[in-house]
């Protein structure tokens, strides 16, 4: 064998190893046919063999060293690292999209239901519109009833809780014993007849403090009646109500059976009394009577018709 050609062959094989080193486990495997046969006694060929042996040892160590430095391939769950993480990221994106879609769909459905419920009831100028169902039955019993829905307008009202009315006032004792002449809405005096045959007189009342005429026999006044009771803020307003009542009563008197011949005319309002207490009333009475203030004279005052 000619050893002068060996360096060229080794360089060619070395270049081939650099390109395909990962597929070649060792130098000896790559060069199975290269075996150095040196005949003894040939000094030149022995020197070339030694040089080739050094080159062979160098090439072998370089190939094995590069083969050892080649990193081992890493796999996760049977997949390469890039493929594994690509799959993981894709699953995360799909999961996030599914969750977001579910949440968005739920919110949209809730908003739609809220709008549908709010549109069923609405208000116009403080009035509530509520549906009223009208069922009409047909003559054929086999047919289902026809149901019609029509809006019914209901005006809303605001209820406010009030406490007892303030106690009526009378300006006593300064008005005690003084006269008061009530006027109608036009500012005119109000006149009545004592009886059908009597004269017409202007109604005037005397105000008396610390006095009361309770109605009924238990209080010593069997002929005294409370015509009505109502809340009015002052003694003078109570007297105005009494005089107005008399005008209306006298206009209706001829229409009552025997009213035209009733000379006593016990239906007129002849006195008033107020209870000066919280929630107290004005009482219109058909007569005076026995005084009884129930031990609290400061809470009572009256007005008596002068005719």
Protein backbone atom coordinates (compact mmCIF):
# COMPACT_ATOMS: atom_id res chain seq x y z
CA UNK A 1 0.00 0.00 0.00
CA UNK A 2 1.22 3.46 -0.85
CA UNK A 3 1.23 5.58 2.33
CA UNK A 4 1.78 8.78 0.44
CA UNK A 5 -1.87 8.80 -0.57
CA UNK A 6 -3.14 8.31 2.96
CA UNK A 7 -3.20 11.97 4.04
CA UNK A 8 -5.40 12.87 1.10
CA UNK A 9 -7.78 10.02 1.83
CA UNK A 10 -7.97 10.94 5.51
CA UNK A 11 -8.77 14.57 4.76
CA UNK A 12 -11.58 13.50 2.45
CA UNK A 13 -12.98 11.14 5.05
CA UNK A 14 -12.61 13.81 7.77
CA UNK A 15 -14.70 16.25 5.75
CA UNK A 16 -17.34 13.57 5.31
CA UNK A 17 -17.33 12.95 9.07
CA UNK A 18 -17.84 16.65 9.82
CA UNK A 19 -21.00 16.59 7.72
CA UNK A 20 -22.35 13.37 9.13
CA UNK A 21 -20.77 13.08 12.54
CA UNK A 22 -24.05 12.50 14.32
CA UNK A 23 -24.65 9.37 12.30
CA UNK A 24 -21.14 7.91 12.79
CA UNK A 25 -20.50 6.57 16.30
CA UNK A 26 -16.68 6.11 16.01
CA UNK A 27 -13.75 6.50 13.70
CA UNK A 28 -13.00 2.78 13.50
CA UNK A 29 -16.52 2.06 12.45
CA UNK A 30 -16.31 4.73 9.76
CA UNK A 31 -13.08 3.29 8.37
CA UNK A 32 -13.40 -0.47 8.69
CA UNK A 33 -11.22 -1.17 5.59
CA UNK A 34 -8.31 0.99 6.62
CA UNK A 35 -5.76 -1.21 8.33
CA UNK A 36 -2.11 -0.30 8.45
CA UNK A 37 0.20 -3.08 7.39
CA UNK A 38 3.84 -2.22 7.76
CA UNK A 39 6.50 -4.62 6.76
CA UNK A 40 9.43 -4.77 9.15
CA UNK A 41 12.68 -3.39 7.90
CA UNK A 42 11.18 -0.61 5.78
CA UNK A 43 12.18 2.50 7.75
CA UNK A 44 10.50 5.02 5.44
CA UNK A 45 7.21 3.23 5.52
CA UNK A 46 7.47 2.84 9.28
CA UNK A 47 7.89 6.59 9.69
CA UNK A 48 4.91 7.30 7.47
CA UNK A 49 2.95 4.77 9.47
CA UNK A 50 3.78 6.57 12.65
CA UNK A 51 2.68 9.87 11.13
CA UNK A 52 -0.49 8.26 9.92
CA UNK A 53 -1.02 6.75 13.34
CA UNK A 54 -0.79 10.15 14.94
CA UNK A 55 -3.22 11.56 12.36
CA UNK A 56 -5.49 8.57 12.90
CA UNK A 57 -5.42 9.10 16.67
CA UNK A 58 -6.13 12.83 16.26
CA UNK A 59 -9.06 12.23 13.91
CA UNK A 60 -10.49 9.57 16.19
CA UNK A 61 -10.31 11.76 19.31
CA UNK A 62 -11.91 14.71 17.44
CA UNK A 63 -14.79 12.63 16.15
CA UNK A 64 -15.49 11.02 19.52
CA UNK A 65 -15.17 14.35 21.31
CA UNK A 66 -17.68 16.04 19.00
CA UNK A 67 -19.95 13.07 19.31
CA UNK A 68 -19.84 13.38 23.12
CA UNK A 69 -20.57 17.13 22.95
CA UNK A 70 -23.73 16.56 20.88
CA UNK A 71 -26.63 17.37 23.28
CA UNK A 72 -29.08 14.63 23.97
CA UNK A 73 -32.57 15.32 22.58
CA UNK A 74 -35.12 16.13 25.36
CA UNK A 75 -38.77 15.06 25.06
CA UNK A 76 -41.86 15.83 27.22
CA UNK A 77 -44.70 13.33 27.16
CA UNK A 78 -43.25 11.86 23.99
CA UNK A 79 -43.11 15.26 22.24
CA UNK A 80 -40.20 17.54 21.55
CA UNK A 81 -39.95 20.66 23.70
CA UNK A 82 -41.17 23.15 21.02
CA UNK A 83 -44.08 20.90 20.03
CA UNK A 84 -45.02 20.30 23.69
CA UNK A 85 -45.16 24.00 24.57
CA UNK A 86 -47.02 24.81 21.35
CA UNK A 87 -49.70 22.31 22.32
CA UNK A 88 -49.89 23.67 25.88
CA UNK A 89 -50.25 27.29 24.72
CA UNK A 90 -52.92 26.28 22.23
CA UNK A 91 -54.94 24.49 24.93
CA UNK A 92 -54.69 27.51 27.24
CA UNK A 93 -55.94 29.82 24.48
CA UNK A 94 -58.87 27.49 23.71
CA UNK A 95 -59.78 27.23 27.41
CA UNK A 96 -59.62 31.00 27.90
CA UNK A 97 -61.82 31.52 24.84
CA UNK A 98 -64.40 29.02 26.09
CA UNK A 99 -64.55 30.62 29.55
CA UNK A 100 -64.78 34.14 28.09
CA UNK A 101 -67.51 33.08 25.69
CA UNK A 102 -69.53 31.49 28.47
CA UNK A 103 -69.28 34.56 30.69
CA UNK A 104 -70.15 36.91 27.83
CA UNK A 105 -73.14 34.80 26.83
CA UNK A 106 -74.43 34.72 30.41
CA UNK A 107 -74.14 38.50 30.78
CA UNK A 108 -75.89 39.07 27.46
CA UNK A 109 -78.74 36.76 28.43
CA UNK A 110 -79.11 38.47 31.82
CA UNK A 111 -79.18 41.91 30.22
CA UNK A 112 -81.77 40.79 27.68
CA UNK A 113 -83.99 39.37 30.42
CA UNK A 114 -83.66 42.60 32.45
CA UNK A 115 -84.64 44.72 29.45
CA UNK A 116 -87.61 42.47 28.73
CA UNK A 117 -88.88 42.72 32.31
CA UNK A 118 -88.41 46.49 32.48
CA UNK A 119 -90.31 47.02 29.24
CA UNK A 120 -93.39 45.29 30.63
CA UNK A 121 -94.04 48.08 33.14
CA UNK A 122 -93.57 51.81 32.58
CA UNK A 123 -94.88 55.08 33.97
CA UNK A 124 -96.51 58.02 32.20
CA UNK A 125 -96.78 61.32 34.11
CA UNK A 126 -96.72 59.67 37.51
CA UNK A 127 -99.22 56.94 36.47
CA UNK A 128 -98.41 53.22 36.62
CA UNK A 129 -99.49 51.10 33.67
CA UNK A 130 -100.30 47.55 34.69
CA UNK A 131 -101.62 44.85 32.41
CA UNK A 132 -105.17 43.67 33.04
CA UNK A 133 -106.18 40.27 31.75
CA UNK A 134 -109.72 39.97 30.39
CA UNK A 135 -110.95 36.43 29.78
CA UNK A 136 -113.97 35.97 27.50
CA UNK A 137 -115.64 32.57 27.33
CA UNK A 138 -117.12 31.41 24.04
CA UNK A 139 -120.36 29.57 23.62
CA UNK A 140 -118.58 26.38 22.57
CA UNK A 141 -117.38 24.73 25.77
CA UNK A 142 -114.81 22.73 23.82
CA UNK A 143 -113.04 25.87 22.65
CA UNK A 144 -110.42 27.39 24.97
CA UNK A 145 -111.19 30.80 26.48
CA UNK A 146 -109.91 33.83 24.62
CA UNK A 147 -107.55 35.90 26.75
CA UNK A 148 -106.99 39.54 25.91
CA UNK A 149 -104.54 41.84 27.65
CA UNK A 150 -105.22 45.55 27.88
CA UNK A 151 -103.35 48.24 29.81
CA UNK A 152 -105.05 49.81 32.81
CA UNK A 153 -103.86 53.19 34.00
CA UNK A 154 -103.54 53.56 37.74
CA UNK A 155 -102.59 56.92 39.18
CA UNK A 156 -99.95 56.55 41.85
CA UNK A 157 -100.58 58.30 45.14
CA UNK A 158 -98.11 59.08 47.86
CA UNK A 159 -99.33 58.47 51.37
CA UNK A 160 -97.77 60.48 54.14
CA UNK A 161 -98.21 59.60 57.78
CA UNK A 162 -99.51 62.55 59.79
CA UNK A 163 -99.66 62.92 63.52
CA UNK A 164 -102.52 64.41 65.53
CA UNK A 165 -103.76 67.85 64.53
CA UNK A 166 -102.51 70.78 66.59
CA UNK A 167 -104.75 72.06 69.35
CA UNK A 168 -107.23 74.73 68.16
CA UNK A 169 -106.63 78.28 69.43
CA UNK A 170 -109.06 80.94 70.74
CA UNK A 171 -106.95 83.91 71.93
CA UNK A 172 -108.40 83.59 75.42
CA UNK A 173 -108.67 85.32 77.81
CA UNK A 174 -108.45 88.50 75.70
CA UNK A 175 -111.55 87.61 73.64
CA UNK A 176 -113.66 86.51 76.59
CA UNK A 177 -117.13 88.16 76.42
CA UNK A 178 -116.55 89.80 73.03
CA UNK A 179 -118.79 89.45 69.98
CA UNK A 180 -117.79 87.95 66.64
CA UNK A 181 -119.79 88.36 63.41
CA UNK A 182 -118.95 85.77 60.74
CA UNK A 183 -118.84 86.69 57.03
CA UNK A 184 -119.45 84.58 53.94
CA UNK A 185 -116.99 84.07 51.12
CA UNK A 186 -118.07 87.37 49.53
CA UNK A 187 -117.43 89.29 52.75
CA UNK A 188 -121.09 89.72 53.57
CA UNK A 189 -122.84 89.01 56.86
CA UNK A 190 -125.04 85.93 57.10
CA UNK A 191 -128.65 86.41 58.24
CA UNK A 192 -131.24 83.84 59.34
CA UNK A 193 -134.78 83.74 60.78
CA UNK A 194 -135.33 82.48 64.27
CA UNK A 195 -138.51 80.76 63.13
CA UNK A 196 -140.75 80.93 60.08
CA UNK A 197 -142.71 83.90 61.43
CA UNK A 198 -139.82 85.71 63.10
CA UNK A 199 -137.58 88.50 61.86
CA UNK A 200 -134.40 87.99 59.88
CA UNK A 201 -131.31 88.82 61.88
CA UNK A 202 -127.59 88.93 61.22
CA UNK A 203 -125.81 86.09 62.94
CA UNK A 204 -123.47 87.23 65.69
CA UNK A 205 -121.81 85.19 68.43
CA UNK A 206 -120.39 85.94 71.84
CA UNK A 207 -117.12 84.24 72.73
CA UNK A 208 -116.82 82.77 76.23
CA UNK A 209 -113.61 81.28 77.59
CA UNK A 210 -113.32 78.30 79.96
CA UNK A 211 -116.81 76.98 79.22
CA UNK A 212 -118.29 73.85 77.65
CA UNK A 213 -121.76 72.43 77.00
CA UNK A 214 -121.38 68.66 76.62
CA UNK A 215 -124.27 67.02 74.75
CA UNK A 216 -126.47 64.36 76.31
CA UNK A 217 -128.42 63.55 79.43
CA UNK A 218 -125.41 62.06 81.29
CA UNK A 219 -123.97 65.59 81.41
CA UNK A 220 -127.22 67.30 82.39
CA UNK A 221 -128.09 68.43 78.84
CA UNK A 222 -130.69 66.02 77.44
CA UNK A 223 -131.84 68.44 74.72
CA UNK A 224 -128.35 69.41 73.57
CA UNK A 225 -127.07 67.57 70.49
CA UNK A 226 -123.79 67.61 68.62
CA UNK A 227 -124.84 68.38 65.05
CA UNK A 228 -121.36 67.53 63.76
CA UNK A 229 -117.73 67.65 64.76
CA UNK A 230 -114.82 68.64 62.57
CA UNK A 231 -111.29 69.92 62.95
CA UNK A 232 -110.83 73.66 62.57
CA UNK A 233 -107.78 75.56 63.75
CA UNK A 234 -109.49 78.43 65.65
CA UNK A 235 -112.64 79.27 67.61
CA UNK A 236 -113.55 81.88 64.96
CA UNK A 237 -113.34 79.28 62.16
CA UNK A 238 -115.66 77.06 64.18
CA UNK A 239 -118.17 79.91 64.47
CA UNK A 240 -117.93 80.51 60.68
CA UNK A 241 -118.86 76.87 60.11
CA UNK A 242 -121.86 77.19 62.44
CA UNK A 243 -123.21 80.30 60.64
CA UNK A 244 -122.73 78.69 57.19
CA UNK A 245 -124.54 75.57 58.33
CA UNK A 246 -127.51 77.73 59.44
CA UNK A 247 -127.80 79.33 55.99
CA UNK A 248 -127.98 75.92 54.30
CA UNK A 249 -130.26 74.49 56.97
CA UNK A 250 -132.76 77.34 56.68
CA UNK A 251 -132.82 77.02 52.87
CA UNK A 252 -133.76 73.36 53.24
CA UNK A 253 -136.24 73.83 56.10
CA UNK A 254 -139.43 74.23 53.98
CA UNK A 255 -138.67 70.92 52.32
CA UNK A 256 -138.83 68.99 55.59
CA UNK A 257 -142.22 67.61 56.69
CA UNK A 258 -143.59 70.15 59.14
CA UNK A 259 -140.49 72.26 58.85
CA UNK A 260 -142.41 75.38 57.81
CA UNK A 261 -144.49 75.25 61.03
CA UNK A 262 -141.54 74.39 63.33
CA UNK A 263 -141.38 77.58 65.34
CA UNK A 264 -138.88 76.23 67.83
CA UNK A 265 -136.53 75.39 64.98
CA UNK A 266 -134.24 73.21 67.09
CA UNK A 267 -132.19 72.24 64.04
CA UNK A 268 -130.24 75.50 63.88
CA UNK A 269 -126.66 75.67 65.15
CA UNK A 270 -126.98 77.82 68.25
CA UNK A 271 -123.56 77.31 69.87
CA UNK A 272 -120.09 75.94 69.21
CA UNK A 273 -117.41 74.53 71.46
CA UNK A 274 -113.72 73.68 70.87
CA UNK A 275 -111.46 71.32 72.79
CA UNK A 276 -108.04 72.98 73.01
CA UNK A 277 -106.01 69.78 72.96
CA UNK A 278 -103.88 68.02 70.38
CA UNK A 279 -106.29 66.40 67.95
CA UNK A 280 -109.23 68.37 69.46
CA UNK A 281 -112.36 69.13 67.47
CA UNK A 282 -114.85 71.88 66.81
CA UNK A 283 -118.39 70.84 67.84
CA UNK A 284 -121.52 72.39 66.31
CA UNK A 285 -124.44 72.22 68.77
CA UNK A 286 -128.17 72.88 68.55
CA UNK A 287 -128.39 74.51 71.99
CA UNK A 288 -126.53 75.59 75.08
CA UNK A 289 -126.94 73.91 78.44
CA UNK A 290 -125.20 73.06 81.66
CA UNK A 291 -121.52 73.99 81.81
CA UNK A 292 -119.06 71.08 82.32
CA UNK A 293 -115.36 71.44 81.51
CA UNK A 294 -114.39 68.07 83.09
CA UNK A 295 -112.00 69.77 85.45
CA UNK A 296 -109.92 71.39 82.67
CA UNK A 297 -111.54 74.79 81.99
CA UNK A 298 -108.39 76.14 80.30
CA UNK A 299 -108.94 73.64 77.49
CA UNK A 300 -112.49 74.75 76.65
CA UNK A 301 -114.17 77.76 75.02
CA UNK A 302 -117.53 78.33 73.35
CA UNK A 303 -119.36 80.70 71.01
CA UNK A 304 -123.06 81.33 71.55
CA UNK A 305 -125.45 82.62 68.83
CA UNK A 306 -127.10 85.93 69.75
CA UNK A 307 -130.65 86.25 68.29
